[in-house]
Amino acid sequence: EERTERESRTAKNMHSGEKPYSCKTCGKAFKRRSRMKDHYRTHTGEKPHSCKTCGKSFTQRSALTVHMRIHTGERPYPCKTCGKMFTYSSILLAHIRTHTVKKLETCDVCGKAFKRRSRMKDHYRTHTGEKPHSCKTCGKSFTQRSALTVHMRIHTGERPYPCKTCGKMFTYSSILLAHIRTHTGEKPYHCKICGKVFTYSSHLWRHMKSHPGEKT
């Protein structure tokens, strides 16, 4: 009777979205008591589910079930296109892409393949030098229409990339990303000689001049 009542509460939680079971260590909440207990073991290190074949232990029974496929050879995930069987769903998903990703258009010059003819034509112009997309304001020409669209922001003043932290607007996404580092403090560019780190690549390049005899 107690189990029936518990199952009833679990079903109610699943529909309502309520998460009444909390981890005493980190406070993370769960809809089911069993999920909370599985999670709690990540703190205690307890691994009660052991493989009878090799002795390897797991926190969750589901992880043991997946592990057992190594020994049994079970492959429960079939590809609906070619029928090939897989041990893990993640490997099946990767395999499915070999059927769905089609590269139909090939560049006659270098052999590079593309899904869309329009992409291939844009690429082909890098070989021919053709630049059919011209700016009506300054006359500068571009291989791709998208490059012209970005260029036009110089004339229109459009700044479509806002910083979510301070609201400042930017013309290019690359400049926004560089700006965000002023808030996060990230410094991804480091000097291989002295280890000093920098927010911008230009600052690293300027710093490298302080090391005489080294290539910049």
Foldseek 3Di string as FASTA:
>chain_A
DVVVVLVVQLVVCVVVVDFPDAAPPPGDTHSHPVVNQLVNCVVVVDFPAADPPPGDTHSDPVVVVLVCCVVVVDFPDADPPPGDTHSDPVVSVVVVCVVVDDFDDAAPPPGDTHPDPVVNQLVNCVVVVDFPAADPPPGDTHSDPVVVVLVCCVVVVDFPDADPPPGDTHSDPVVSVLVVCVVVVDFPAADPPPGDTHSDPVVVVVVVVVPPPDDD
